[in-house]
N, C-alpha and C. Protein backbone atom coordinates (compact mmCIF):
# COMPACT_ATOMS: atom_id res chain seq x y z
N MET A 1 91.87 7.75 141.55
CA MET A 1 92.39 8.74 140.04
C MET A 1 93.08 7.70 139.17
N LYS A 2 93.27 8.24 137.89
CA LYS A 2 93.94 7.46 137.25
C LYS A 2 95.29 7.77 137.18
N LYS A 3 96.06 6.83 136.70
CA LYS A 3 97.87 7.14 136.58
C LYS A 3 98.00 7.01 135.26
N PHE A 4 98.87 8.07 134.98
CA PHE A 4 99.55 8.12 133.77
C PHE A 4 100.16 7.05 132.98
N ASP A 5 100.40 6.69 131.98
CA ASP A 5 101.30 5.58 131.64
C ASP A 5 102.14 5.78 130.36
N GLU A 6 101.38 7.23 130.01
CA GLU A 6 102.86 7.94 128.85
C GLU A 6 102.48 9.50 128.90
N ILE A 7 102.91 10.27 128.44
CA ILE A 7 103.25 11.54 128.65
C ILE A 7 102.80 12.12 126.92
N ASN A 8 101.78 12.74 126.79
CA ASN A 8 101.34 13.27 125.44
C ASN A 8 102.31 14.69 124.87
N ILE A 9 102.91 14.31 123.99
CA ILE A 9 104.05 15.19 123.50
C ILE A 9 103.41 15.98 122.54
N ILE A 10 102.12 15.76 121.83
CA ILE A 10 101.83 16.61 120.42
C ILE A 10 101.58 18.14 120.90
N PRO A 11 101.45 18.60 121.85
CA PRO A 11 101.44 20.02 122.00
C PRO A 11 102.63 20.50 122.25
N PHE A 12 103.76 19.82 122.67
CA PHE A 12 105.05 20.41 122.62
C PHE A 12 105.72 20.47 121.05
N ILE A 13 105.32 19.18 120.53
CA ILE A 13 105.58 19.59 118.95
C ILE A 13 104.95 20.46 118.38
N ASP A 14 104.19 20.91 118.47
CA ASP A 14 103.18 21.72 117.84
C ASP A 14 103.81 23.40 118.07
N ILE A 15 104.27 23.55 119.59
CA ILE A 15 104.86 24.92 120.37
C ILE A 15 105.87 24.71 119.28
N MET A 16 107.01 23.74 119.18
CA MET A 16 108.25 23.88 118.68
C MET A 16 108.54 24.01 116.98
N LEU A 17 107.36 23.82 116.38
CA LEU A 17 106.85 24.20 115.25
C LEU A 17 107.06 25.49 115.01
N VAL A 18 105.78 26.00 115.89
CA VAL A 18 105.60 27.59 115.91
C VAL A 18 107.14 28.28 115.94
N LEU A 19 107.77 27.83 116.77
CA LEU A 19 109.08 28.32 117.41
C LEU A 19 110.11 28.29 116.10
N LEU A 20 110.00 27.37 115.36
CA LEU A 20 110.93 27.36 114.19
C LEU A 20 110.68 28.11 113.21
N ALA A 21 109.17 28.05 112.68
CA ALA A 21 108.67 29.02 111.88
C ALA A 21 109.34 30.42 112.11
N ILE A 22 109.16 30.92 113.28
CA ILE A 22 109.33 32.26 113.88
C ILE A 22 110.81 32.57 113.70
N VAL A 23 111.61 31.60 113.86
CA VAL A 23 112.98 31.86 113.52
C VAL A 23 113.72 31.79 112.13
N LEU A 24 112.82 30.69 111.33
CA LEU A 24 113.43 30.64 109.96
C LEU A 24 112.53 32.17 109.53
N ILE A 25 111.65 32.71 109.96
CA ILE A 25 110.96 33.93 109.38
C ILE A 25 111.87 35.24 109.50
N THR A 26 112.49 35.22 110.59
CA THR A 26 113.09 36.32 111.16
C THR A 26 114.55 36.27 110.55
N ALA A 27 115.36 34.94 110.47
CA ALA A 27 116.51 34.99 109.58
C ALA A 27 116.52 35.37 108.24
N SER A 28 115.39 34.99 108.14
CA SER A 28 115.45 35.75 106.10
C SER A 28 115.46 37.24 106.15
N PHE A 29 114.77 38.03 106.78
CA PHE A 29 114.94 39.50 107.00
C PHE A 29 116.04 39.87 107.48
N ILE A 30 116.87 39.21 108.26
CA ILE A 30 118.20 39.47 109.03
C ILE A 30 119.16 39.47 107.44
N SER A 31 118.89 38.55 107.06
CA SER A 31 120.22 38.07 106.30
C SER A 31 120.20 38.99 104.77
N GLN A 32 118.79 40.11 104.69
CA GLN A 32 118.72 40.75 103.54
C GLN A 32 119.47 42.18 103.77
N GLY A 33 119.91 42.29 104.78
CA GLY A 33 120.40 43.64 105.35
C GLY A 33 120.05 44.98 105.59
N LYS A 34 120.47 45.71 105.95
CA LYS A 34 119.64 46.67 106.85
C LYS A 34 118.99 48.08 106.05
N ILE A 35 120.04 48.45 105.29
CA ILE A 35 120.04 49.04 103.84
C ILE A 35 118.69 48.90 102.91
N GLN A 36 117.80 49.54 102.83
CA GLN A 36 116.76 48.58 101.38
C GLN A 36 116.58 49.26 100.35
N VAL A 37 117.07 49.08 99.50
CA VAL A 37 117.34 49.21 97.97
C VAL A 37 116.35 48.39 97.27
N ASN A 38 115.94 49.10 95.86
CA ASN A 38 115.23 48.37 94.94
C ASN A 38 116.37 48.00 94.01
N VAL A 39 117.00 46.42 94.38
CA VAL A 39 117.87 46.02 93.34
C VAL A 39 117.37 45.76 91.80
N PRO A 40 118.21 46.25 90.83
CA PRO A 40 117.63 45.94 89.31
C PRO A 40 117.07 44.42 89.14
N LYS A 41 116.18 44.25 88.17
CA LYS A 41 115.70 42.93 87.94
C LYS A 41 116.53 42.39 87.09
N ALA A 42 116.62 40.76 86.44
CA ALA A 42 117.79 40.34 85.69
C ALA A 42 117.00 38.97 85.18
N SER A 43 116.77 38.71 83.98
CA SER A 43 116.20 37.46 83.78
C SER A 43 116.85 36.05 84.07
N SER A 44 118.25 36.32 84.44
CA SER A 44 118.74 35.18 84.96
C SER A 44 119.70 35.32 86.05
N THR A 45 119.66 34.68 87.33
CA THR A 45 119.94 34.89 88.71
C THR A 45 121.07 33.74 88.87
N VAL A 46 121.86 33.90 89.85
CA VAL A 46 122.78 32.89 90.53
C VAL A 46 122.77 32.87 91.91
N ALA A 47 122.08 31.97 92.82
CA ALA A 47 122.11 31.88 93.99
C ALA A 47 123.46 31.80 94.57
N PHE A 48 123.80 32.46 95.64
CA PHE A 48 124.57 32.05 96.14
C PHE A 48 124.75 32.57 97.81
N LYS A 49 125.56 31.66 99.24
CA LYS A 49 125.47 31.93 100.13
C LYS A 49 125.63 33.43 100.64
N SER A 50 124.85 33.85 101.52
CA SER A 50 125.66 35.53 101.52
C SER A 50 126.70 35.55 103.11
N ASP A 51 126.53 34.16 103.86
CA ASP A 51 127.92 34.47 104.86
C ASP A 51 128.66 34.27 104.40
N ASP A 52 129.37 33.70 102.82
CA ASP A 52 130.56 33.36 102.14
C ASP A 52 131.14 34.99 101.79
N LEU A 53 130.55 35.90 101.82
CA LEU A 53 130.57 37.30 101.47
C LEU A 53 130.84 37.97 102.65
N ALA A 54 132.03 38.31 103.07
CA ALA A 54 132.27 39.02 103.82
C ALA A 54 131.96 40.70 103.99
N LYS A 55 132.46 41.22 102.77
CA LYS A 55 132.12 43.01 102.42
C LYS A 55 130.86 43.04 101.74
N LEU A 56 130.30 43.82 102.05
CA LEU A 56 128.87 44.56 101.76
C LEU A 56 128.80 46.07 101.52
N LEU A 57 128.80 46.35 100.17
CA LEU A 57 128.77 47.60 99.73
C LEU A 57 127.45 47.63 99.30
N THR A 58 126.84 48.99 99.97
CA THR A 58 125.28 49.12 99.05
C THR A 58 125.53 50.66 98.78
N VAL A 59 124.84 50.90 97.62
CA VAL A 59 124.44 52.03 97.20
C VAL A 59 122.79 52.58 96.88
N THR A 60 122.49 53.47 97.62
CA THR A 60 121.02 53.72 97.68
C THR A 60 120.59 54.57 96.37
N GLU A 61 119.56 54.98 96.14
CA GLU A 61 119.26 55.72 94.85
C GLU A 61 119.62 57.48 95.15
N ASN A 62 119.77 57.87 96.33
CA ASN A 62 120.45 59.25 96.27
C ASN A 62 122.07 58.99 95.87
N GLY A 63 122.60 58.19 95.77
CA GLY A 63 124.08 58.04 95.63
C GLY A 63 124.67 57.65 97.33
N GLU A 64 124.00 57.77 98.20
CA GLU A 64 124.86 57.39 99.41
C GLU A 64 125.27 55.90 99.61
N VAL A 65 126.75 55.91 99.88
CA VAL A 65 127.54 54.65 99.96
C VAL A 65 127.28 53.83 101.44
N TYR A 66 127.00 52.84 101.63
CA TYR A 66 127.23 52.20 102.87
C TYR A 66 128.09 50.85 103.04
N PHE A 67 129.00 50.53 103.46
CA PHE A 67 129.75 49.64 103.68
C PHE A 67 129.59 48.71 105.32
N ASN A 68 128.90 47.14 104.82
CA ASN A 68 128.56 46.73 105.60
C ASN A 68 127.37 47.45 106.84
N ASP A 69 126.75 48.26 106.42
CA ASP A 69 125.24 48.59 106.51
C ASP A 69 125.81 49.88 107.62
N LYS A 70 126.93 50.69 107.33
CA LYS A 70 127.33 51.60 107.99
C LYS A 70 127.72 52.88 106.79
N PRO A 71 127.02 54.30 107.11
CA PRO A 71 127.76 55.02 105.88
C PRO A 71 129.35 55.18 105.70
N ILE A 72 129.53 55.50 104.88
CA ILE A 72 131.10 55.90 104.41
C ILE A 72 131.17 56.84 103.12
N GLN A 73 132.37 57.36 103.27
CA GLN A 73 132.48 58.49 102.41
C GLN A 73 133.24 57.88 101.36
N LYS A 74 133.55 58.03 100.22
CA LYS A 74 133.91 57.93 99.03
C LYS A 74 135.69 57.59 99.13
N GLU A 75 135.76 58.33 99.84
CA GLU A 75 137.49 58.89 99.96
C GLU A 75 137.66 57.77 101.08
N ALA A 76 137.21 57.26 102.14
CA ALA A 76 137.37 56.66 103.23
C ALA A 76 137.04 55.00 102.66
N LEU A 77 136.01 54.74 101.67
CA LEU A 77 136.05 53.68 101.19
C LEU A 77 137.20 53.25 100.50
N GLU A 78 138.01 54.10 99.37
CA GLU A 78 139.25 53.91 98.74
C GLU A 78 140.01 53.37 99.51
N LYS A 79 140.35 54.13 100.45
CA LYS A 79 141.46 53.41 102.02
C LYS A 79 140.82 52.05 102.53
N GLU A 80 139.69 51.75 103.04
CA GLU A 80 139.35 50.73 102.97
C GLU A 80 139.69 49.54 101.77
N ILE A 81 139.26 49.72 100.49
CA ILE A 81 139.23 48.91 99.68
C ILE A 81 141.03 48.32 99.51
N ALA A 82 141.72 49.53 99.56
CA ALA A 82 143.17 49.37 99.62
C ALA A 82 143.74 48.30 100.51
N GLY A 83 143.30 48.32 101.69
CA GLY A 83 143.72 47.31 102.30
C GLY A 83 143.19 45.84 102.05
N TRP A 84 142.27 45.98 101.37
CA TRP A 84 141.74 44.41 100.84
C TRP A 84 142.60 43.49 100.56
N ASN A 85 142.38 41.97 100.65
CA ASN A 85 143.39 40.91 99.39
C ASN A 85 142.50 41.48 98.30
N PRO A 86 143.42 40.85 97.11
CA PRO A 86 142.63 40.95 95.92
C PRO A 86 141.50 39.65 95.44
N GLU A 87 141.75 38.69 96.35
CA GLU A 87 141.00 37.62 96.57
C GLU A 87 139.44 37.60 97.24
N GLN A 88 139.48 38.91 97.92
CA GLN A 88 138.15 39.19 98.92
C GLN A 88 136.93 38.93 98.14
N LYS A 89 135.99 38.34 98.55
CA LYS A 89 134.29 38.57 97.86
C LYS A 89 134.02 39.70 98.53
N VAL A 90 132.95 40.11 97.71
CA VAL A 90 132.59 41.50 97.46
C VAL A 90 130.80 41.32 97.16
N THR A 91 129.73 41.48 97.90
CA THR A 91 128.88 41.89 97.42
C THR A 91 128.41 43.61 97.11
N LEU A 92 128.22 43.73 95.74
CA LEU A 92 127.47 45.30 95.45
C LEU A 92 126.16 44.71 95.52
N LYS A 93 125.71 45.65 95.97
CA LYS A 93 124.09 46.20 96.08
C LYS A 93 123.83 47.49 95.76
N VAL A 94 122.98 47.78 94.34
CA VAL A 94 122.98 49.05 93.68
C VAL A 94 121.41 49.01 93.70
N ASP A 95 120.95 50.53 94.20
CA ASP A 95 119.28 50.63 93.83
C ASP A 95 119.19 51.04 92.37
N ALA A 96 118.49 50.19 91.92
CA ALA A 96 117.98 50.42 90.63
C ALA A 96 117.72 51.59 89.45
N LYS A 97 117.38 52.64 90.73
CA LYS A 97 117.27 54.32 90.18
C LYS A 97 118.52 54.83 90.82
N SER A 98 119.69 54.64 91.23
CA SER A 98 120.86 55.22 91.52
C SER A 98 121.21 55.50 89.85
N ALA A 99 121.94 56.61 89.96
CA ALA A 99 123.01 56.99 89.08
C ALA A 99 123.67 55.81 88.49
N PHE A 100 123.98 55.73 86.95
CA PHE A 100 124.67 54.57 86.64
C PHE A 100 126.35 54.78 87.11
N GLN A 101 126.47 56.62 86.92
CA GLN A 101 127.69 56.51 87.71
C GLN A 101 128.11 55.97 88.85
N ASP A 102 127.20 55.96 89.70
CA ASP A 102 127.74 55.39 91.25
C ASP A 102 127.92 54.40 90.71
N PHE A 103 127.54 53.49 90.14
CA PHE A 103 128.07 51.90 90.21
C PHE A 103 129.25 51.90 89.65
N VAL A 104 129.71 52.95 88.62
CA VAL A 104 130.82 52.65 88.09
C VAL A 104 131.94 53.18 88.99
N ALA A 105 132.03 53.92 89.55
CA ALA A 105 132.79 54.69 90.54
C ALA A 105 133.16 53.59 91.90
N ILE A 106 131.98 52.83 91.79
CA ILE A 106 132.69 51.92 93.13
C ILE A 106 133.32 50.42 92.09
N THR A 107 132.70 50.39 91.12
CA THR A 107 133.64 49.16 89.93
C THR A 107 134.34 49.57 90.13
N ASP A 108 134.95 50.85 89.52
CA ASP A 108 136.48 51.70 88.97
C ASP A 108 137.47 51.04 90.35
N LEU A 109 136.72 51.83 91.70
CA LEU A 109 137.90 51.55 92.92
C LEU A 109 138.05 50.16 93.43
N MET A 110 137.24 49.29 92.78
CA MET A 110 137.36 47.56 92.97
C MET A 110 138.46 47.29 92.09
N ALA A 111 138.43 47.72 90.79
CA ALA A 111 139.36 47.13 89.67
C ALA A 111 140.49 47.72 89.80
N LYS A 112 140.72 48.83 90.19
CA LYS A 112 142.10 49.78 90.60
C LYS A 112 142.89 49.06 91.48
N HIS A 113 142.20 48.30 92.65
CA HIS A 113 142.88 47.40 93.42
C HIS A 113 143.05 46.15 93.37
N GLN A 114 142.31 45.73 91.73
CA GLN A 114 142.55 44.48 91.51
C GLN A 114 141.45 43.21 92.18
N ILE A 115 140.40 43.85 92.83
CA ILE A 115 139.32 43.10 93.33
C ILE A 115 138.20 42.90 92.03
N LYS A 116 138.38 41.14 91.96
CA LYS A 116 137.82 40.78 91.00
C LYS A 116 136.44 39.89 91.55
N ASN A 117 136.63 39.39 92.50
CA ASN A 117 135.43 38.21 93.45
C ASN A 117 134.23 39.27 93.91
N VAL A 118 133.77 39.77 92.89
CA VAL A 118 132.34 40.72 92.99
C VAL A 118 130.79 40.13 92.69
N ALA A 119 129.95 40.15 93.59
CA ALA A 119 128.59 39.48 93.00
C ALA A 119 127.70 40.56 93.11
N ILE A 120 126.88 40.81 92.20
CA ILE A 120 125.89 41.80 92.07
C ILE A 120 124.66 41.50 92.32
N VAL A 121 123.86 42.06 93.45
CA VAL A 121 122.61 41.55 94.21
C VAL A 121 121.59 42.23 92.83
N THR A 122 120.51 41.41 92.25
CA THR A 122 119.88 41.71 91.32
C THR A 122 118.76 40.53 91.90
N MET A 123 117.34 41.23 91.17
CA MET A 123 116.37 40.23 91.69
C MET A 123 115.70 39.77 90.18
N LYS A 124 115.14 38.19 90.39
CA LYS A 124 115.11 37.72 89.25
C LYS A 124 113.22 38.19 88.70
N ASP A 125 113.85 38.67 87.63
CA ASP A 125 112.57 38.87 86.88
C ASP A 125 111.36 38.04 86.65
N LYS A 126 110.34 37.71 87.19
CA LYS A 126 109.14 36.84 87.41
C LYS A 126 108.45 36.82 86.00
N GLY A 127 108.69 37.73 85.08
CA GLY A 127 107.89 37.65 83.80
C GLY A 127 108.33 37.00 82.59
N LYS A 128 109.79 36.26 82.98
CA LYS A 128 110.81 35.57 82.10
C LYS A 128 111.04 34.38 82.75
């Protein structure tokens, strides 16, 4: 019987690379949020780390408002925003087909409470 002098770790490395790929793909789906909206296209965009922005406001095509992926009424949202620090970072994700009035209502609420650190989510226009 032949004695093994070394261990072949190539199959182990292959398995670890597959697991790494699965984790990276899954993480990219999780970071985009649970509420699916078609964000508007823009010719220029600025990348940011999503973990830096603690508050996420989403407006769907039908005008439904979500706060951190949970539905919220506009009156309750105003009470929530009133308790925020004016330096609070906010991500605003509005569907491209929603009424412009929905966008204006949300930004008006934030302006009323001096929230100025707002990032608007868009998709880079690939045609330009």
